[in-house]
Amino acid sequence: PETDLRQASSAVERLRDELAKSKLVINDGTHINFTVSIGFTIFENKNILIEEIIKKADKALYMAKKQGRNRAVLL
């Protein structure tokens, strides 16, 4: 709530970047890298239904997945 496009984009990119930098080492020494596809949306209409927000963010997520890994898409 109360987040503008610049703030939301910055937060999403920080999250995406930090996850991409993280590595998990399992017992046999194998390193596992992470990437994330993120779909997000912003809205100014206070009367919008939560279902509409989720639907829009979900559509953005699938657009991000289709475009390739480790990216964020705003819709």
PDB file of N, CA and C in Angstrom:
ATOM      1  N   PRO A   1       0.826  -1.207   0.000  1.00  0.00           N
ATOM      2  CA  PRO A   1       0.000   0.000   0.000  1.00  0.00           C
ATOM      3  C   PRO A   1       0.865   1.265   0.000  1.00  0.00           C
ATOM      4  N   GLU A   2       0.339   2.300  -0.629  1.00  0.00           N
ATOM      5  CA  GLU A   2       1.004   3.600  -0.641  1.00  0.00           C
ATOM      6  C   GLU A   2       2.386   3.548  -1.300  1.00  0.00           C
ATOM      7  N   THR A   3       2.552   2.689  -2.301  1.00  0.00           N
ATOM      8  CA  THR A   3       3.822   2.548  -3.009  1.00  0.00           C
ATOM      9  C   THR A   3       3.632   2.988  -4.447  1.00  0.00           C
ATOM     10  N   ASP A   4       4.505   3.888  -4.909  1.00  0.00           N
ATOM     11  CA  ASP A   4       4.393   4.332  -6.293  1.00  0.00           C
ATOM     12  C   ASP A   4       5.204   3.424  -7.218  1.00  0.00           C
ATOM     13  N   LEU A   5       5.128   3.689  -8.509  1.00  0.00           N
ATOM     14  CA  LEU A   5       5.795   2.847  -9.501  1.00  0.00           C
ATOM     15  C   LEU A   5       7.297   2.769  -9.262  1.00  0.00           C
ATOM     16  N   ARG A   6       7.930   3.889  -8.976  1.00  0.00           N
ATOM     17  CA  ARG A   6       9.379   3.902  -8.751  1.00  0.00           C
ATOM     18  C   ARG A   6       9.750   3.034  -7.555  1.00  0.00           C
ATOM     19  N   GLN A   7       9.029   3.177  -6.455  1.00  0.00           N
ATOM     20  CA  GLN A   7       9.308   2.394  -5.254  1.00  0.00           C
ATOM     21  C   GLN A   7       9.066   0.900  -5.485  1.00  0.00           C
ATOM     22  N   ALA A   8       7.968   0.585  -6.146  1.00  0.00           N
ATOM     23  CA  ALA A   8       7.645  -0.822  -6.414  1.00  0.00           C
ATOM     24  C   ALA A   8       8.684  -1.451  -7.331  1.00  0.00           C
ATOM     25  N   SER A   9       9.053  -0.760  -8.392  1.00  0.00           N
ATOM     26  CA  SER A   9      10.053  -1.282  -9.334  1.00  0.00           C
ATOM     27  C   SER A   9      11.389  -1.496  -8.642  1.00  0.00           C
ATOM     28  N   SER A  10      11.773  -0.549  -7.808  1.00  0.00           N
ATOM     29  CA  SER A  10      13.035  -0.650  -7.080  1.00  0.00           C
ATOM     30  C   SER A  10      13.029  -1.857  -6.134  1.00  0.00           C
ATOM     31  N   ALA A  11      11.944  -2.047  -5.409  1.00  0.00           N
ATOM     32  CA  ALA A  11      11.841  -3.176  -4.482  1.00  0.00           C
ATOM     33  C   ALA A  11      11.887  -4.505  -5.225  1.00  0.00           C
ATOM     34  N   VAL A  12      11.168  -4.587  -6.325  1.00  0.00           N
ATOM     35  CA  VAL A  12      11.143  -5.819  -7.119  1.00  0.00           C
ATOM     36  C   VAL A  12      12.530  -6.126  -7.679  1.00  0.00           C
ATOM     37  N   GLU A  13      13.209  -5.123  -8.191  1.00  0.00           N
ATOM     38  CA  GLU A  13      14.550  -5.341  -8.759  1.00  0.00           C
ATOM     39  C   GLU A  13      15.557  -5.720  -7.681  1.00  0.00           C
ATOM     40  N   ARG A  14      15.458  -5.129  -6.493  1.00  0.00           N
ATOM     41  CA  ARG A  14      16.355  -5.519  -5.389  1.00  0.00           C
ATOM     42  C   ARG A  14      16.131  -6.970  -5.017  1.00  0.00           C
ATOM     43  N   LEU A  15      14.877  -7.379  -4.912  1.00  0.00           N
ATOM     44  CA  LEU A  15      14.555  -8.769  -4.590  1.00  0.00           C
ATOM     45  C   LEU A  15      15.086  -9.707  -5.665  1.00  0.00           C
ATOM     46  N   ARG A  16      14.830  -9.386  -6.931  1.00  0.00           N
ATOM     47  CA  ARG A  16      15.288 -10.220  -8.031  1.00  0.00           C
ATOM     48  C   ARG A  16      16.806 -10.336  -8.034  1.00  0.00           C
ATOM     49  N   ASP A  17      17.491  -9.226  -7.831  1.00  0.00           N
ATOM     50  CA  ASP A  17      18.951  -9.202  -7.830  1.00  0.00           C
ATOM     51  C   ASP A  17      19.533 -10.003  -6.662  1.00  0.00           C
ATOM     52  N   GLU A  18      18.977  -9.821  -5.473  1.00  0.00           N
ATOM     53  CA  GLU A  18      19.480 -10.548  -4.306  1.00  0.00           C
ATOM     54  C   GLU A  18      19.290 -12.056  -4.453  1.00  0.00           C
ATOM     55  N   LEU A  19      18.146 -12.466  -4.972  1.00  0.00           N
ATOM     56  CA  LEU A  19      17.930 -13.899  -5.188  1.00  0.00           C
ATOM     57  C   LEU A  19      18.892 -14.447  -6.228  1.00  0.00           C
ATOM     58  N   ALA A  20      19.158 -13.683  -7.275  1.00  0.00           N
ATOM     59  CA  ALA A  20      20.085 -14.134  -8.326  1.00  0.00           C
ATOM     60  C   ALA A  20      21.506 -14.263  -7.790  1.00  0.00           C
ATOM     61  N   LYS A  21      21.866 -13.456  -6.790  1.00  0.00           N
ATOM     62  CA  LYS A  21      23.210 -13.515  -6.204  1.00  0.00           C
ATOM     63  C   LYS A  21      23.352 -14.638  -5.176  1.00  0.00           C
ATOM     64  N   SER A  22      22.242 -15.111  -4.640  1.00  0.00           N
ATOM     65  CA  SER A  22      22.319 -16.113  -3.587  1.00  0.00           C
ATOM     66  C   SER A  22      22.612 -17.495  -4.160  1.00  0.00           C
ATOM     67  N   LYS A  23      23.291 -18.288  -3.341  1.00  0.00           N
ATOM     68  CA  LYS A  23      23.632 -19.653  -3.726  1.00  0.00           C
ATOM     69  C   LYS A  23      23.371 -20.566  -2.536  1.00  0.00           C
ATOM     70  N   LEU A  24      22.903 -21.737  -2.832  1.00  0.00           N
ATOM     71  CA  LEU A  24      22.685 -22.739  -1.802  1.00  0.00           C
ATOM     72  C   LEU A  24      23.710 -23.836  -2.031  1.00  0.00           C
ATOM     73  N   VAL A  25      24.421 -24.218  -0.985  1.00  0.00           N
ATOM     74  CA  VAL A  25      25.392 -25.304  -1.083  1.00  0.00           C
ATOM     75  C   VAL A  25      24.819 -26.490  -0.326  1.00  0.00           C
ATOM     76  N   ILE A  26      24.681 -27.602  -1.036  1.00  0.00           N
ATOM     77  CA  ILE A  26      24.157 -28.803  -0.378  1.00  0.00           C
ATOM     78  C   ILE A  26      25.311 -29.668   0.103  1.00  0.00           C
ATOM     79  N   ASN A  27      25.005 -30.715   0.821  1.00  0.00           N
ATOM     80  CA  ASN A  27      26.007 -31.525   1.517  1.00  0.00           C
ATOM     81  C   ASN A  27      27.149 -32.023   0.643  1.00  0.00           C
ATOM     82  N   ASP A  28      26.898 -32.342  -0.601  1.00  0.00           N
ATOM     83  CA  ASP A  28      27.968 -32.869  -1.461  1.00  0.00           C
ATOM     84  C   ASP A  28      28.794 -31.751  -2.105  1.00  0.00           C
ATOM     85  N   GLY A  29      28.542 -30.492  -1.723  1.00  0.00           N
ATOM     86  CA  GLY A  29      29.294 -29.363  -2.253  1.00  0.00           C
ATOM     87  C   GLY A  29      28.696 -28.756  -3.506  1.00  0.00           C
ATOM     88  N   THR A  30      27.593 -29.302  -3.963  1.00  0.00           N
ATOM     89  CA  THR A  30      26.936 -28.765  -5.148  1.00  0.00           C
ATOM     90  C   THR A  30      26.350 -27.393  -4.843  1.00  0.00           C
ATOM     91  N   HIS A  31      26.582 -26.450  -5.747  1.00  0.00           N
ATOM     92  CA  HIS A  31      26.030 -25.098  -5.611  1.00  0.00           C
ATOM     93  C   HIS A  31      24.760 -24.983  -6.452  1.00  0.00           C
ATOM     94  N   ILE A  32      23.732 -24.434  -5.860  1.00  0.00           N
ATOM     95  CA  ILE A  32      22.479 -24.213  -6.570  1.00  0.00           C
ATOM     96  C   ILE A  32      22.236 -22.714  -6.639  1.00  0.00           C
ATOM     97  N   ASN A  33      22.042 -22.203  -7.848  1.00  0.00           N
ATOM     98  CA  ASN A  33      21.754 -20.790  -8.056  1.00  0.00           C
ATOM     99  C   ASN A  33      20.255 -20.599  -8.188  1.00  0.00           C
ATOM    100  N   PHE A  34      19.799 -19.411  -7.864  1.00  0.00           N
ATOM    101  CA  PHE A  34      18.380 -19.080  -7.922  1.00  0.00           C
ATOM    102  C   PHE A  34      18.124 -17.953  -8.917  1.00  0.00           C
ATOM    103  N   THR A  35      17.020 -18.046  -9.597  1.00  0.00           N
ATOM    104  CA  THR A  35      16.491 -16.925 -10.364  1.00  0.00           C
ATOM    105  C   THR A  35      14.999 -16.856 -10.060  1.00  0.00           C
ATOM    106  N   VAL A  36      14.403 -15.736 -10.381  1.00  0.00           N
ATOM    107  CA  VAL A  36      12.985 -15.581 -10.087  1.00  0.00           C
ATOM    108  C   VAL A  36      12.317 -14.793 -11.203  1.00  0.00           C
ATOM    109  N   SER A  37      11.128 -15.206 -11.535  1.00  0.00           N
ATOM    110  CA  SER A  37      10.275 -14.441 -12.444  1.00  0.00           C
ATOM    111  C   SER A  37       9.221 -13.764 -11.580  1.00  0.00           C
ATOM    112  N   ILE A  38       9.062 -12.457 -11.772  1.00  0.00           N
ATOM    113  CA  ILE A  38       8.139 -11.691 -10.936  1.00  0.00           C
ATOM    114  C   ILE A  38       7.164 -10.928 -11.829  1.00  0.00           C
ATOM    115  N   GLY A  39       5.915 -11.019 -11.503  1.00  0.00           N
ATOM    116  CA  GLY A  39       4.897 -10.195 -12.149  1.00  0.00           C
ATOM    117  C   GLY A  39       4.319  -9.271 -11.106  1.00  0.00           C
ATOM    118  N   PHE A  40       4.230  -8.004 -11.428  1.00  0.00           N
ATOM    119  CA  PHE A  40       3.651  -7.071 -10.464  1.00  0.00           C
ATOM    120  C   PHE A  40       2.841  -6.004 -11.169  1.00  0.00           C
ATOM    121  N   THR A  41       2.029  -5.346 -10.389  1.00  0.00           N
ATOM    122  CA  THR A  41       1.163  -4.315 -10.928  1.00  0.00           C
ATOM    123  C   THR A  41       0.983  -3.224  -9.885  1.00  0.00           C
ATOM    124  N   ILE A  42       0.617  -2.060 -10.337  1.00  0.00           N
ATOM    125  CA  ILE A  42       0.259  -0.991  -9.415  1.00  0.00           C
ATOM    126  C   ILE A  42      -1.128  -0.499  -9.812  1.00  0.00           C
ATOM    127  N   PHE A  43      -1.812   0.155  -8.909  1.00  0.00           N
ATOM    128  CA  PHE A  43      -3.137   0.675  -9.204  1.00  0.00           C
ATOM    129  C   PHE A  43      -3.369   1.925  -8.386  1.00  0.00           C
ATOM    130  N   GLU A  44      -4.143   2.815  -8.903  1.00  0.00           N
ATOM    131  CA  GLU A  44      -4.457   4.048  -8.201  1.00  0.00           C
ATOM    132  C   GLU A  44      -5.906   4.081  -7.736  1.00  0.00           C
ATOM    133  N   ASN A  45      -6.738   3.233  -8.311  1.00  0.00           N
ATOM    134  CA  ASN A  45      -8.152   3.191  -7.960  1.00  0.00           C
ATOM    135  C   ASN A  45      -8.317   2.441  -6.641  1.00  0.00           C
ATOM    136  N   LYS A  46      -8.715   3.142  -5.605  1.00  0.00           N
ATOM    137  CA  LYS A  46      -8.890   2.519  -4.278  1.00  0.00           C
ATOM    138  C   LYS A  46     -10.076   1.563  -4.236  1.00  0.00           C
ATOM    139  N   ASN A  47     -10.952   1.632  -5.239  1.00  0.00           N
ATOM    140  CA  ASN A  47     -12.153   0.793  -5.252  1.00  0.00           C
ATOM    141  C   ASN A  47     -11.975  -0.491  -6.056  1.00  0.00           C
ATOM    142  N   ILE A  48     -10.776  -0.763  -6.540  1.00  0.00           N
ATOM    143  CA  ILE A  48     -10.548  -1.961  -7.350  1.00  0.00           C
ATOM    144  C   ILE A  48     -10.634  -3.210  -6.470  1.00  0.00           C
ATOM    145  N   LEU A  49     -11.177  -4.260  -7.011  1.00  0.00           N
ATOM    146  CA  LEU A  49     -11.304  -5.516  -6.279  1.00  0.00           C
ATOM    147  C   LEU A  49      -9.955  -6.232  -6.230  1.00  0.00           C
ATOM    148  N   ILE A  50      -9.670  -6.859  -5.109  1.00  0.00           N
ATOM    149  CA  ILE A  50      -8.408  -7.583  -4.947  1.00  0.00           C
ATOM    150  C   ILE A  50      -8.252  -8.661  -6.019  1.00  0.00           C
ATOM    151  N   GLU A  51      -9.345  -9.267  -6.440  1.00  0.00           N
ATOM    152  CA  GLU A  51      -9.288 -10.296  -7.482  1.00  0.00           C
ATOM    153  C   GLU A  51      -8.757  -9.717  -8.793  1.00  0.00           C
ATOM    154  N   GLU A  52      -9.107  -8.482  -9.090  1.00  0.00           N
ATOM    155  CA  GLU A  52      -8.612  -7.837 -10.306  1.00  0.00           C
ATOM    156  C   GLU A  52      -7.117  -7.565 -10.215  1.00  0.00           C
ATOM    157  N   ILE A  53      -6.658  -7.162  -9.051  1.00  0.00           N
ATOM    158  CA  ILE A  53      -5.229  -6.908  -8.843  1.00  0.00           C
ATOM    159  C   ILE A  53      -4.442  -8.203  -9.004  1.00  0.00           C
ATOM    160  N   ILE A  54      -4.919  -9.260  -8.374  1.00  0.00           N
ATOM    161  CA  ILE A  54      -4.236 -10.550  -8.454  1.00  0.00           C
ATOM    162  C   ILE A  54      -4.223 -11.063  -9.892  1.00  0.00           C
ATOM    163  N   LYS A  55      -5.335 -10.936 -10.588  1.00  0.00           N
ATOM    164  CA  LYS A  55      -5.414 -11.387 -11.976  1.00  0.00           C
ATOM    165  C   LYS A  55      -4.390 -10.646 -12.845  1.00  0.00           C
ATOM    166  N   LYS A  56      -4.272  -9.338 -12.647  1.00  0.00           N
ATOM    167  CA  LYS A  56      -3.330  -8.542 -13.428  1.00  0.00           C
ATOM    168  C   LYS A  56      -1.882  -8.912 -13.096  1.00  0.00           C
ATOM    169  N   ALA A  57      -1.571  -9.084 -11.821  1.00  0.00           N
ATOM    170  CA  ALA A  57      -0.219  -9.473 -11.411  1.00  0.00           C
ATOM    171  C   ALA A  57       0.114 -10.877 -11.915  1.00  0.00           C
ATOM    172  N   ASP A  58      -0.863 -11.770 -11.888  1.00  0.00           N
ATOM    173  CA  ASP A  58      -0.661 -13.130 -12.384  1.00  0.00           C
ATOM    174  C   ASP A  58      -0.362 -13.120 -13.886  1.00  0.00           C
ATOM    175  N   LYS A  59      -1.079 -12.297 -14.624  1.00  0.00           N
ATOM    176  CA  LYS A  59      -0.828 -12.173 -16.060  1.00  0.00           C
ATOM    177  C   LYS A  59       0.592 -11.649 -16.301  1.00  0.00           C
ATOM    178  N   ALA A  60       1.021 -10.681 -15.501  1.00  0.00           N
ATOM    179  CA  ALA A  60       2.383 -10.150 -15.614  1.00  0.00           C
ATOM    180  C   ALA A  60       3.410 -11.225 -15.296  1.00  0.00           C
ATOM    181  N   LEU A  61       3.127 -12.069 -14.304  1.00  0.00           N
ATOM    182  CA  LEU A  61       4.036 -13.168 -13.960  1.00  0.00           C
ATOM    183  C   LEU A  61       4.221 -14.111 -15.140  1.00  0.00           C
ATOM    184  N   TYR A  62       3.136 -14.502 -15.782  1.00  0.00           N
ATOM    185  CA  TYR A  62       3.247 -15.411 -16.919  1.00  0.00           C
ATOM    186  C   TYR A  62       3.943 -14.752 -18.104  1.00  0.00           C
ATOM    187  N   MET A  63       3.799 -13.446 -18.247  1.00  0.00           N
ATOM    188  CA  MET A  63       4.550 -12.734 -19.286  1.00  0.00           C
ATOM    189  C   MET A  63       6.046 -12.788 -18.972  1.00  0.00           C
ATOM    190  N   ALA A  64       6.410 -12.615 -17.708  1.00  0.00           N
ATOM    191  CA  ALA A  64       7.811 -12.685 -17.295  1.00  0.00           C
ATOM    192  C   ALA A  64       8.378 -14.073 -17.562  1.00  0.00           C
ATOM    193  N   LYS A  65       7.629 -15.106 -17.224  1.00  0.00           N
ATOM    194  CA  LYS A  65       8.089 -16.479 -17.459  1.00  0.00           C
ATOM    195  C   LYS A  65       8.281 -16.746 -18.949  1.00  0.00           C
ATOM    196  N   LYS A  66       7.378 -16.239 -19.751  1.00  0.00           N
ATOM    197  CA  LYS A  66       7.458 -16.462 -21.197  1.00  0.00           C
ATOM    198  C   LYS A  66       8.674 -15.760 -21.803  1.00  0.00           C
ATOM    199  N   GLN A  67       9.043 -14.602 -21.252  1.00  0.00           N
ATOM    200  CA  GLN A  67      10.167 -13.829 -21.783  1.00  0.00           C
ATOM    201  C   GLN A  67      11.528 -14.389 -21.366  1.00  0.00           C
ATOM    202  N   GLY A  68      11.551 -15.287 -20.405  1.00  0.00           N
ATOM    203  CA  GLY A  68      12.813 -15.876 -19.961  1.00  0.00           C
ATOM    204  C   GLY A  68      12.985 -15.693 -18.469  1.00  0.00           C
ATOM    205  N   ARG A  69      13.957 -16.386 -17.942  1.00  0.00           N
ATOM    206  CA  ARG A  69      14.114 -16.380 -16.493  1.00  0.00           C
ATOM    207  C   ARG A  69      14.785 -15.116 -15.972  1.00  0.00           C
ATOM    208  N   ASN A  70      14.635 -14.936 -14.673  1.00  0.00           N
ATOM    209  CA  ASN A  70      15.289 -13.869 -13.922  1.00  0.00           C
ATOM    210  C   ASN A  70      14.892 -12.473 -14.427  1.00  0.00           C
ATOM    211  N   ARG A  71      13.586 -12.236 -14.436  1.00  0.00           N
ATOM    212  CA  ARG A  71      13.113 -10.908 -14.863  1.00  0.00           C
ATOM    213  C   ARG A  71      11.814 -10.565 -14.155  1.00  0.00           C
ATOM    214  N   ALA A  72      11.519  -9.279 -14.183  1.00  0.00           N
ATOM    215  CA  ALA A  72      10.275  -8.778 -13.601  1.00  0.00           C
ATOM    216  C   ALA A  72       9.502  -8.040 -14.691  1.00  0.00           C
ATOM    217  N   VAL A  73       8.194  -8.223 -14.674  1.00  0.00           N
ATOM    218  CA  VAL A  73       7.324  -7.556 -15.650  1.00  0.00           C
ATOM    219  C   VAL A  73       6.231  -6.816 -14.901  1.00  0.00           C
ATOM    220  N   LEU A  74       6.045  -5.572 -15.257  1.00  0.00           N
ATOM    221  CA  LEU A  74       4.982  -4.738 -14.717  1.00  0.00           C
ATOM    222  C   LEU A  74       3.840  -4.722 -15.708  1.00  0.00           C
ATOM    223  N   LEU A  75       2.650  -4.885 -15.217  1.00  0.00           N
ATOM    224  CA  LEU A  75       1.477  -4.807 -16.092  1.00  0.00           C
ATOM    225  C   LEU A  75       0.453  -3.905 -15.456  1.00  0.00           C
TER     226      LEU A  75
END
